[in-house]
Every structure is written in structure tokens, then in C-alpha cells.
Protein backbone atom coordinates (compact mmCIF):
# COMPACT_ATOMS: atom_id res chain seq x y z
CA MET A 1 13.90 1.29 -9.36
CA ARG A 2 11.80 3.02 -11.60
CA ARG A 3 8.90 0.26 -12.01
CA LEU A 4 9.04 -0.62 -8.69
CA ILE A 5 8.35 3.14 -7.61
CA LEU A 6 5.74 3.38 -9.93
CA VAL A 7 3.46 0.62 -8.74
CA LEU A 8 4.34 0.03 -5.00
CA ALA A 9 1.16 2.52 -3.75
CA ILE A 10 -1.10 0.57 -6.00
CA ILE A 11 0.31 -3.02 -4.92
CA VAL A 12 -0.03 -2.03 -1.33
CA ALA A 13 -3.73 -1.00 -1.92
CA ALA A 14 -4.19 -4.23 -3.98
CA CYS A 15 -2.26 -6.81 -1.78
CA ALA A 16 -3.62 -5.63 1.53
CA ALA A 17 -7.53 -5.71 0.08
CA LYS A 18 -9.56 -9.16 -0.34
CA PRO A 19 -12.90 -7.63 -1.75
CA GLY A 20 -15.94 -9.54 -1.93
CA GLY A 21 -19.19 -9.29 -2.87
CA ASP A 22 -20.69 -8.29 0.12
CA ILE A 23 -18.66 -5.22 0.68
CA GLU A 24 -18.92 -4.29 -2.95
CA ASN A 25 -22.95 -4.61 -2.59
CA ASP A 26 -22.66 -2.83 0.58
CA LEU A 27 -20.70 0.55 -1.26
CA ASP A 28 -23.21 0.51 -4.03
CA ARG A 29 -26.06 0.54 -1.50
CA ARG A 30 -24.31 3.42 -0.02
CA VAL A 31 -23.28 5.66 -3.12
CA GLN A 32 -27.06 4.86 -4.60
CA SER A 33 -28.88 5.59 -1.83
CA GLY A 34 -29.55 8.99 -2.28
CA GLY A 35 -29.11 9.59 1.85
CA LEU A 36 -25.69 10.68 1.76
CA SER A 37 -24.18 14.26 0.51
CA GLY A 38 -21.38 16.25 1.22
CA ALA A 39 -18.48 14.79 3.15
CA ALA A 40 -20.46 11.50 3.79
CA LEU A 41 -21.14 10.78 0.37
CA ALA A 42 -17.59 11.24 -0.72
CA ASP A 43 -16.40 9.03 1.92
CA ALA A 44 -18.62 6.55 0.20
CA LEU A 45 -17.16 7.33 -3.20
CA VAL A 46 -13.68 7.12 -1.91
CA ASP A 47 -13.96 3.61 -0.06
CA ARG A 48 -15.78 2.13 -3.29
CA GLY A 49 -13.18 3.55 -5.69
CA LEU A 50 -10.57 1.97 -3.26
CA LEU A 51 -12.15 -1.15 -3.98
CA ARG A 52 -12.18 -0.89 -7.95
CA VAL A 53 -8.41 -0.14 -7.33
CA ALA A 54 -8.15 -3.36 -5.66
CA THR A 55 -10.17 -5.08 -8.16
CA LYS A 56 -7.93 -3.65 -11.18
CA ASN A 57 -10.85 -1.27 -12.38
CA LEU A 58 -8.74 1.86 -12.60
CA ASP A 59 -11.24 3.39 -14.98
CA GLY A 60 -14.10 2.75 -12.57
CA ALA A 61 -11.88 4.36 -9.45
CA ILE A 62 -11.29 7.51 -11.24
CA VAL A 63 -14.89 7.95 -12.01
CA ASP A 64 -15.70 7.09 -8.24
CA LEU A 65 -12.69 9.76 -7.00
CA ASN A 66 -13.81 12.35 -9.57
CA ALA A 67 -17.31 12.00 -7.67
CA ALA A 68 -15.76 12.17 -4.46
CA ILE A 69 -14.29 15.44 -5.42
CA ALA A 70 -17.05 16.91 -6.95
CA ALA A 71 -19.22 16.18 -3.66
CA ALA A 72 -16.67 17.34 -1.13
CA PRO A 73 -13.77 19.53 -3.16
CA ASP A 74 -11.49 20.07 -0.08
CA LEU A 75 -11.26 16.16 0.39
CA ALA A 76 -7.31 15.88 0.37
CA GLU A 77 -7.52 12.06 0.42
CA ALA A 78 -9.32 11.88 -2.68
CA TYR A 79 -7.02 13.83 -4.59
CA VAL A 80 -3.94 11.53 -3.46
CA TRP A 81 -5.82 8.68 -4.26
CA ARG A 82 -6.82 9.88 -7.75
CA GLY A 83 -3.37 11.17 -8.22
CA ILE A 84 -2.08 7.49 -7.31
CA VAL A 85 -4.43 6.10 -9.83
CA ALA A 86 -3.73 8.51 -12.77
CA ASP A 87 0.27 8.07 -12.11
CA GLU A 88 -0.61 4.04 -12.45
CA LYS A 89 -2.48 4.82 -15.51
CA GLY A 90 0.62 6.87 -17.05
CA ASP A 91 -0.86 10.55 -16.27
CA LYS A 92 2.03 11.52 -14.40
CA VAL A 93 0.85 15.50 -14.76
CA ARG A 94 -2.34 14.93 -13.22
CA ALA A 95 -1.01 12.98 -10.43
CA ARG A 96 1.60 15.57 -9.40
CA GLN A 97 -1.46 18.13 -9.75
CA ASP A 98 -3.47 16.35 -7.48
CA TYR A 99 -0.75 15.71 -5.05
CA ASP A 100 0.08 19.48 -5.10
CA ARG A 101 -3.93 20.26 -4.68
CA ALA A 102 -3.98 17.81 -1.63
CA LEU A 103 -0.64 19.39 -0.03
CA ALA A 104 -2.71 22.98 -0.84
CA ILE A 105 -5.72 21.92 0.72
CA ALA A 106 -3.82 20.12 4.06
CA PRO A 107 0.08 20.99 4.05
CA GLY A 108 0.59 18.69 6.89
CA TYR A 109 -0.98 15.79 5.19
CA TRP A 110 1.21 12.66 5.70
CA PHE A 111 -0.25 10.54 2.73
CA ALA A 112 0.19 13.50 0.13
CA HIS A 113 3.96 13.94 1.14
CA GLY A 114 4.64 10.20 1.01
CA ALA A 115 2.57 10.09 -2.50
CA LEU A 116 4.87 12.93 -3.92
CA GLY A 117 7.77 11.43 -2.25
CA LEU A 118 7.43 8.26 -4.43
CA THR A 119 6.70 10.40 -7.27
CA LEU A 120 9.73 12.15 -6.79
CA ALA A 121 11.94 8.97 -6.25
CA GLU A 122 10.34 7.47 -9.79
CA ALA A 123 11.96 10.30 -11.46
CA GLY A 124 15.05 10.14 -9.99
CA ASN A 125 15.23 13.12 -8.08
CA ASP A 126 16.67 11.65 -4.76
CA ASP A 127 17.19 14.47 -2.62
CA ALA A 128 13.98 16.14 -2.58
CA ALA A 129 12.40 12.37 -2.62
CA LEU A 130 14.06 11.80 0.33
CA ALA A 131 13.01 15.01 2.33
CA GLU A 132 9.24 14.36 1.38
CA LEU A 133 9.31 10.89 2.43
CA ALA A 134 10.83 11.64 5.69
CA ARG A 135 8.18 14.58 5.90
CA ALA A 136 5.75 11.87 5.61
CA LEU A 137 6.75 9.47 7.91
CA GLU A 138 7.31 12.11 10.50
CA LEU A 139 3.87 13.19 10.09
CA GLY A 140 2.05 9.82 9.84
CA GLN A 141 3.84 8.25 12.86
CA ALA A 142 0.44 9.37 14.70
CA HIS A 143 -1.87 7.62 11.99
CA ARG A 144 0.30 4.42 11.86
CA GLY A 145 -2.92 2.12 13.71
CA GLU A 146 -5.34 3.81 11.45
CA PHE A 147 -6.88 2.37 7.92
CA PHE A 148 -7.99 4.41 4.94
CA VAL A 149 -10.65 1.41 4.49
CA ARG A 150 -11.34 -1.13 7.17
CA GLU A 151 -14.73 -2.63 5.80
CA ILE A 152 -15.65 -6.43 7.55
CA ARG A 153 -18.65 -8.28 6.43
CA GLN A 154 -19.45 -11.50 8.18
CA HIS A 155 -21.76 -14.34 7.28
CA GLN A 156 -22.71 -17.71 8.40
CA VAL A 157 -21.42 -20.64 6.55
CA ILE A 158 -22.89 -24.37 6.53
CA GLN A 159 -20.71 -27.26 5.53
CA PRO A 160 -22.57 -30.25 4.54
CA ASN A 161 -21.25 -33.51 6.42
CA ARG A 162 -22.41 -36.72 4.88
CA LYS A 163 -21.46 -38.60 8.31
CA GLY A 164 -23.17 -36.37 10.56
CA PRO A 165 -24.87 -33.00 11.02
CA PRO A 166 -23.87 -30.19 9.03
CA SER A 167 -20.91 -28.07 10.79
CA THR A 168 -21.37 -24.05 10.63
CA GLY A 169 -18.91 -21.47 11.08
CA THR A 170 -18.27 -17.67 9.58
CA ALA A 171 -16.44 -16.70 6.60
CA THR A 172 -15.28 -13.24 6.63
CA GLN A 173 -14.91 -10.78 3.48
CA LYS A 174 -12.64 -7.88 4.34
CA LEU A 175 -11.19 -5.04 2.64
CA SER A 176 -8.52 -3.37 4.60
CA ILE A 177 -5.96 -0.67 3.69
CA ALA A 178 -3.99 0.60 6.44
CA ALA A 179 -1.69 3.28 7.02
CA SER A 180 1.06 1.18 8.43
CA ASP A 181 1.40 -0.45 5.17
CA HIS A 182 1.98 3.15 3.32
CA LEU A 183 4.57 4.21 6.03
CA ALA A 184 6.54 0.80 5.43
CA LEU A 185 6.35 1.77 1.61
CA TYR A 186 8.37 4.95 2.64
CA HIS A 187 10.69 3.58 3.92
CA VAL A 188 11.35 0.87 1.49
CA ALA A 189 11.80 3.61 -1.25
CA ARG A 190 14.41 5.31 0.82
CA ALA A 191 16.10 2.08 1.56
CA LEU A 192 16.22 1.76 -2.47
CA ILE A 193 17.86 5.10 -2.89
CA PHE A 194 20.20 4.93 -0.17
CA LEU A 195 21.48 1.35 -2.02
CA LYS A 196 21.77 3.03 -5.18
CA ARG A 197 23.53 5.62 -3.27
CA SER A 198 25.73 2.92 -1.52
CA ASP A 199 24.80 4.06 1.74
CA ASN A 200 24.33 0.86 2.92
CA ASP A 201 24.06 1.21 6.62
CA ALA A 202 21.13 3.60 5.84
CA ALA A 203 19.57 1.34 3.75
CA LEU A 204 19.83 -1.37 6.53
CA VAL A 205 18.32 1.00 8.71
CA GLU A 206 15.19 2.30 6.67
CA SER A 207 14.62 -1.70 5.79
CA LYS A 208 14.75 -2.94 9.08
CA ASP A 209 12.19 0.24 10.02
CA ALA A 210 10.00 -0.94 7.42
CA VAL A 211 9.53 -4.36 8.84
CA GLY A 212 9.19 -3.17 12.16
CA MET A 213 6.21 -0.71 10.72
CA ALA A 214 4.60 -3.84 9.18
CA PRO A 215 5.64 -6.44 10.53
CA ASP A 216 2.98 -8.62 8.24
CA SER A 217 4.20 -6.89 4.89
CA ALA A 218 5.81 -9.00 2.40
CA LEU A 219 6.92 -6.22 0.50
CA ALA A 220 8.45 -4.87 3.54
CA GLN A 221 9.94 -8.22 4.20
CA TRP A 222 11.58 -8.96 1.04
CA ASN A 223 13.20 -5.72 0.83
CA LEU A 224 15.25 -6.52 3.91
CA VAL A 225 16.10 -9.85 2.57
CA ARG A 226 17.24 -8.19 -0.48
CA THR A 227 19.24 -5.52 1.34
CA LEU A 228 20.65 -8.18 3.57
CA ALA A 229 21.74 -9.86 0.29
CA THR A 230 23.44 -6.90 -1.00
CA LEU A 231 25.24 -6.42 1.82
CA GLY A 232 26.60 -9.66 2.04
CA ARG A 233 25.28 -10.34 5.28
CA CYS A 234 23.69 -14.06 3.84
CA GLU A 235 23.28 -15.83 7.37
CA GLU A 236 20.58 -12.81 8.51
CA ALA A 237 19.40 -12.86 4.72
CA TRP A 238 18.73 -16.67 5.00
CA THR A 239 16.79 -16.26 8.49
CA GLN A 240 14.73 -13.41 6.83
CA THR A 241 13.70 -15.38 4.11
CA GLU A 242 12.68 -18.30 6.51
CA ALA A 243 10.46 -15.77 8.82
CA MET A 244 8.93 -13.97 5.41
CA GLY A 245 7.99 -17.84 4.26
CA LYS A 246 6.36 -18.80 7.70
CA SER A 247 4.33 -15.54 8.15
CA THR A 248 3.71 -15.42 4.25
CA GLY A 249 3.76 -18.68 3.04
CA ILE A 250 6.10 -17.24 0.24
CA TYR A 251 9.60 -17.68 -0.42
CA PHE A 252 10.73 -15.29 -2.91
CA LEU A 253 14.24 -14.42 -3.37
CA PRO A 254 15.11 -10.84 -4.70
CA PRO A 255 17.19 -10.73 -8.08
CA LYS A 256 20.80 -11.39 -7.81
CA SER A 257 20.61 -12.42 -4.26
CA LYS A 258 22.16 -15.93 -5.09
CA ASP A 259 25.53 -14.14 -6.46
CA LYS A 260 25.97 -12.70 -3.23
CA CYS A 261 24.40 -15.40 -1.14
CA PRO A 262 25.32 -18.82 -3.06
CA GLU A 263 23.38 -20.88 0.11
CA PHE A 264 20.12 -19.50 -1.34
CA THR A 265 20.19 -21.87 -3.97
CA LYS A 266 19.23 -24.51 -1.74
CA LEU A 267 15.48 -23.00 -2.10
């Protein structure tokens, strides 16, 4: 579980993001225009930092998040994202410092509680992790329909046609990081802890809650398959695998699932 918890938050951001040049250029213009300051500048820097996370430019993301904090020292979100990136880079001391700073600024900030909970889970401090993740889920319910970043850019596309007039359409480039994906992640992390403790009923509840929170999340769906297979509920696990394949185009079986459910060998 250690490596999974280590990278889950970054994976959520990266998998939910479909960056494109239009978005990147727009963010560059916003940051470099000279017309922004304070919180507005910090917001633009955080947005660009998250785009850089999605494109695996972690050093560039740290630069933007540092600048965001300099522009708005009380922006708790910037500290949490900087902590997540620092953790991915292996600087766990800085990560914990940033989460603690975010909670000092905003004690009821669900995202900070969630990030701290994942860090505690990675460290094996399961009781504290369960408590922090439960707190994050409680506080985050009101925010489940929100987005950290919701940038959409559209442009017209002309498709040549040798047998007639060219067809036109619209292509969309989108960078989107949803709060619901992170809330689902917290359910997944709790499920993993309960599985480790052989508390199978609690693990199954958390796994189903993760899918309910973010039905399109491949991570949440995969975790539910894993949990069902671990519990030997093979028919349900297979049904969930097929549902995941239809919605994501991915048929991915968890490790050791074939040991519990031999019919998975037909994949």
C-alpha cells in the first residue's frame, strides 16, 4: 500500500487532466500580463502549477506554487498542492510542514485534512489516517461538485474531404481537476487500511462509497473490483470489471485477483 498511497494524489490530478497548448498559453498570458496581483495572481499561478503537475514538470510546479504563496501567503490551497508535489519529489518533511501550515490558516479545510490523511496512511499511522480522512470526507461533502481547476478551451477544426466540402467541428482541450475525485481517493485509502486489518465489511462500504462519489473514476472502480475479489465475491467482481471496461475502455485486474476468482482468467 505504501507506493499506492504515495502517488495517489498526483495520479488523480494527472489522470483527470487533459492539458493542451491553448490552456498553457492562456495561463502564461494570465501570469505574465502584469495585470494581476495578490489572490488573483496566486490563483493563476496555482492553475499553471497544476498544469505542470499534469505534464510531469514537478520542478516547474514548485516554482509556480512558491510564487503563489509569495503573492498570497494565506492561500491554504497553494500550501496543500505544494505539499503534494514535495511529497512526490520525496521531501516528506516539507510536505508535512505545508499541510500543517494550510491547517493553521484554515483548520476546517477538507483538502488539507485529506492530504494529511494520505501522508499518515503512507507512514502506517492507520488510526490517525482514518480519523483525518473521515474528517476530510465530512468537511468535503459540501464541495463535491466543485473543481480545483476547470478550464475549457474550444476551437474550430476543419476536416478535409476529397469527395465533398470539408466538414467542420469543434475540438475541446480541457484541464479539469475535480474535488469529487479526491474525495473518492480518501474512501479508497480508507478501504485499503480496512483490508489490511481484515475488516472486510468496512472495506467494501468504503470501496462502494468511492465509486458512488466519482462513478467515472477508474481508480475507484478498480479498487472496488480488488475489494470484491479479495472477499471472494467473484460474480460481483466480474460484473464490476465489465462495467469499468465499458466506461473507461480499460480491463485491468488487481494483483492476485485470479487466485480468488479463477474465472478472471478468461480475460
